[in-house]
Amino acid sequence: MTEGPSTHRRRKVEIIVEQTLAPSVLRLIDGCGAKGYTVFPTSGGRGNTGGRGPIPVSRVFDTVMIVAVCEAQVADRILAKAPAVVGVGVGVVWVSDVDVLRAEHF
């Protein structure tokens, strides 16, 4: 049996916030030492603050999902500081363990 490529354990931090908070979250992620992140627009959803439809009347309350994959200690720094930024608006933060192929990217 052939072995697959070797992988490296990292943590994925996913944060959903109103787009007005995104610059603060990105500064937080940068300041904690993450090598990068990806920002995705969201099209709708439902949570404990209610539902958000895919066709809003106003785009001012649109949300984005910010994803950073990083080493565990960087993720811990982000998680420790995230409530100060995310706690002021609609926001969700979760973290999971992931395996990556190119460790130097994360």
C-alpha atoms as a PDB file:
ATOM      1  CA  MET A   1       0.000   0.000   0.000  1.00  0.00           C
ATOM      2  CA  THR A   2       1.367   3.438  -0.906  1.00  0.00           C
ATOM      3  CA  GLU A   3       1.454   6.223   1.584  1.00  0.00           C
ATOM      4  CA  GLY A   4      -0.222   9.514   0.752  1.00  0.00           C
ATOM      5  CA  PRO A   5       1.413  12.898   1.135  1.00  0.00           C
ATOM      6  CA  SER A   6       2.385  13.857   4.661  1.00  0.00           C
ATOM      7  CA  THR A   7       0.135  16.366   6.339  1.00  0.00           C
ATOM      8  CA  HIS A   8       0.614  18.823   9.177  1.00  0.00           C
ATOM      9  CA  ARG A   9      -1.867  19.640  11.926  1.00  0.00           C
ATOM     10  CA  ARG A  10      -3.148  23.227  12.094  1.00  0.00           C
ATOM     11  CA  ARG A  11      -6.209  24.984  13.526  1.00  0.00           C
ATOM     12  CA  LYS A  12      -8.893  26.604  11.409  1.00  0.00           C
ATOM     13  CA  VAL A  13     -10.578  29.637  12.952  1.00  0.00           C
ATOM     14  CA  GLU A  14     -13.830  30.677  11.288  1.00  0.00           C
ATOM     15  CA  ILE A  15     -15.490  33.949  12.213  1.00  0.00           C
ATOM     16  CA  ILE A  16     -18.784  35.287  10.887  1.00  0.00           C
ATOM     17  CA  VAL A  17     -19.421  38.985  11.525  1.00  0.00           C
ATOM     18  CA  GLU A  18     -21.271  41.906  10.043  1.00  0.00           C
ATOM     19  CA  GLN A  19     -19.106  43.338   7.283  1.00  0.00           C
ATOM     20  CA  THR A  20     -18.614  46.573   9.223  1.00  0.00           C
ATOM     21  CA  LEU A  21     -16.642  44.571  11.826  1.00  0.00           C
ATOM     22  CA  ALA A  22     -14.498  42.743   9.252  1.00  0.00           C
ATOM     23  CA  PRO A  23     -11.620  45.293   9.256  1.00  0.00           C
ATOM     24  CA  SER A  24     -11.306  44.945  13.052  1.00  0.00           C
ATOM     25  CA  VAL A  25     -11.303  41.150  12.825  1.00  0.00           C
ATOM     26  CA  LEU A  26      -8.665  41.217  10.075  1.00  0.00           C
ATOM     27  CA  ARG A  27      -6.434  43.514  12.173  1.00  0.00           C
ATOM     28  CA  LEU A  28      -6.878  41.099  15.088  1.00  0.00           C
ATOM     29  CA  ILE A  29      -5.913  38.090  12.957  1.00  0.00           C
ATOM     30  CA  ASP A  30      -2.879  39.904  11.531  1.00  0.00           C
ATOM     31  CA  GLY A  31      -1.844  41.124  14.981  1.00  0.00           C
ATOM     32  CA  CYS A  32      -1.975  37.600  16.400  1.00  0.00           C
ATOM     33  CA  GLY A  33       0.491  36.337  13.810  1.00  0.00           C
ATOM     34  CA  ALA A  34      -1.618  34.450  11.263  1.00  0.00           C
ATOM     35  CA  LYS A  35       0.087  34.232   7.877  1.00  0.00           C
ATOM     36  CA  GLY A  36      -3.144  34.826   5.993  1.00  0.00           C
ATOM     37  CA  TYR A  37      -6.907  34.584   5.842  1.00  0.00           C
ATOM     38  CA  THR A  38      -9.770  34.342   3.365  1.00  0.00           C
ATOM     39  CA  VAL A  39     -12.935  36.452   3.442  1.00  0.00           C
ATOM     40  CA  PHE A  40     -16.170  35.050   2.002  1.00  0.00           C
ATOM     41  CA  PRO A  41     -19.453  36.917   1.569  1.00  0.00           C
ATOM     42  CA  THR A  42     -22.406  35.132   3.129  1.00  0.00           C
ATOM     43  CA  SER A  43     -25.777  34.881   1.443  1.00  0.00           C
ATOM     44  CA  GLY A  44     -28.037  34.136   4.380  1.00  0.00           C
ATOM     45  CA  GLY A  45     -28.563  31.989   7.406  1.00  0.00           C
ATOM     46  CA  ARG A  46     -30.307  31.696  10.723  1.00  0.00           C
ATOM     47  CA  GLY A  47     -29.045  31.784  14.284  1.00  0.00           C
ATOM     48  CA  ASN A  48     -30.106  32.942  17.729  1.00  0.00           C
ATOM     49  CA  THR A  49     -30.439  36.530  16.469  1.00  0.00           C
ATOM     50  CA  GLY A  50     -32.922  35.413  13.807  1.00  0.00           C
ATOM     51  CA  GLY A  51     -32.744  34.823  10.105  1.00  0.00           C
ATOM     52  CA  ARG A  52     -30.952  36.647   7.342  1.00  0.00           C
ATOM     53  CA  GLY A  53     -32.275  36.138   3.862  1.00  0.00           C
ATOM     54  CA  PRO A  54     -30.307  35.979   0.642  1.00  0.00           C
ATOM     55  CA  ILE A  55     -31.927  39.169  -0.706  1.00  0.00           C
ATOM     56  CA  PRO A  56     -31.687  41.865   1.981  1.00  0.00           C
ATOM     57  CA  VAL A  57     -33.464  45.185   1.650  1.00  0.00           C
ATOM     58  CA  SER A  58     -30.273  46.932   2.755  1.00  0.00           C
ATOM     59  CA  ARG A  59     -26.741  45.565   2.440  1.00  0.00           C
ATOM     60  CA  VAL A  60     -25.528  47.452   5.523  1.00  0.00           C
ATOM     61  CA  PHE A  61     -26.059  44.392   7.744  1.00  0.00           C
ATOM     62  CA  ASP A  62     -24.483  41.859   5.355  1.00  0.00           C
ATOM     63  CA  THR A  63     -22.149  39.362   6.966  1.00  0.00           C
ATOM     64  CA  VAL A  64     -18.838  37.881   5.934  1.00  0.00           C
ATOM     65  CA  MET A  65     -17.034  34.713   6.937  1.00  0.00           C
ATOM     66  CA  ILE A  66     -13.345  35.086   7.694  1.00  0.00           C
ATOM     67  CA  VAL A  67     -11.253  31.910   7.740  1.00  0.00           C
ATOM     68  CA  ALA A  68      -7.694  31.673   9.025  1.00  0.00           C
ATOM     69  CA  VAL A  69      -5.693  28.450   9.169  1.00  0.00           C
ATOM     70  CA  CYS A  70      -2.749  28.735  11.531  1.00  0.00           C
ATOM     71  CA  GLU A  71      -0.629  27.085  14.178  1.00  0.00           C
ATOM     72  CA  ALA A  72      -2.350  26.261  17.473  1.00  0.00           C
ATOM     73  CA  GLN A  73      -0.689  29.047  19.474  1.00  0.00           C
ATOM     74  CA  VAL A  74      -1.768  31.656  16.907  1.00  0.00           C
ATOM     75  CA  ALA A  75      -5.335  30.300  16.994  1.00  0.00           C
ATOM     76  CA  ASP A  76      -5.289  30.505  20.795  1.00  0.00           C
ATOM     77  CA  ARG A  77      -4.285  34.187  20.620  1.00  0.00           C
ATOM     78  CA  ILE A  78      -7.075  34.904  18.135  1.00  0.00           C
ATOM     79  CA  LEU A  79      -9.646  33.105  20.291  1.00  0.00           C
ATOM     80  CA  ALA A  80      -8.523  34.935  23.428  1.00  0.00           C
ATOM     81  CA  LYS A  81      -8.997  38.348  21.783  1.00  0.00           C
ATOM     82  CA  ALA A  82     -11.982  37.634  19.507  1.00  0.00           C
ATOM     83  CA  PRO A  83     -14.750  38.297  22.079  1.00  0.00           C
ATOM     84  CA  ALA A  84     -13.659  41.933  22.374  1.00  0.00           C
ATOM     85  CA  VAL A  85     -14.244  42.424  18.632  1.00  0.00           C
ATOM     86  CA  VAL A  86     -16.959  39.919  17.782  1.00  0.00           C
ATOM     87  CA  GLY A  87     -18.953  40.454  20.976  1.00  0.00           C
ATOM     88  CA  VAL A  88     -20.070  43.947  19.939  1.00  0.00           C
ATOM     89  CA  GLY A  89     -22.250  42.765  17.047  1.00  0.00           C
ATOM     90  CA  VAL A  90     -23.654  39.724  15.361  1.00  0.00           C
ATOM     91  CA  GLY A  91     -20.782  37.286  15.413  1.00  0.00           C
ATOM     92  CA  VAL A  92     -19.962  33.607  15.578  1.00  0.00           C
ATOM     93  CA  VAL A  93     -16.537  32.056  16.131  1.00  0.00           C
ATOM     94  CA  TRP A  94     -15.561  28.425  15.887  1.00  0.00           C
ATOM     95  CA  VAL A  95     -12.331  26.487  15.644  1.00  0.00           C
ATOM     96  CA  SER A  96     -11.442  23.044  14.347  1.00  0.00           C
ATOM     97  CA  ASP A  97      -8.359  20.942  13.799  1.00  0.00           C
ATOM     98  CA  VAL A  98      -7.363  20.511  10.164  1.00  0.00           C
ATOM     99  CA  ASP A  99      -4.543  18.822   8.294  1.00  0.00           C
ATOM    100  CA  VAL A 100      -2.719  20.797   5.614  1.00  0.00           C
ATOM    101  CA  LEU A 101      -0.301  19.702   2.927  1.00  0.00           C
ATOM    102  CA  ARG A 102       2.031  22.711   2.856  1.00  0.00           C
ATOM    103  CA  ALA A 103       2.850  23.648   6.434  1.00  0.00           C
ATOM    104  CA  GLU A 104       4.944  26.647   5.396  1.00  0.00           C
ATOM    105  CA  HIS A 105       1.794  28.380   4.139  1.00  0.00           C
ATOM    106  CA  PHE A 106       0.207  28.280   7.582  1.00  0.00           C
END
